[in-house]
């Protein structure tokens, strides 16, 4: 079960993180005209055709490398938060598969639709983001009040 330490929540760091995500997304679209949708970036790298052209995979590998390296840079300035995993690792695998299926079905993930799509006033991204939020809230309700 995930525990949120509300006493430790600091809106300033959440705001700073959101600003950094927005700035990174803006830089990507302004510099090379690409959307910072993580599922699309990773999904394209899993296609054989993407590796035929340097431009198709170069920026994607650099972007994902930055995502993976960012906790290493962060821990130079502050300790990383503790990670708690459920006792049953099959739940993580199942959740990952459902997220992957959902992002392919919805043509994008929260970063692509929520950050980039909404900022471009995309109706499809609004529908996708509202769907994500509804089912996220429904999941929390079921986990806390029905199953617990």
Foldseek 3Di string as FASTA:
>chain_A
DDDDDVVPDDVVVVVVVVVVLLVVQVCCCVVPNDGPFLLVLVVQVVDPVQVVDCVSNVVSVVVVVCVVCVVVVVCVPPNDDDDDDDPDCVVVVVVVVVQSVLQVVLVTHCRRLVRVVVVVVHPSSVVVNVVVVVVVVVVVCCVPPPVD
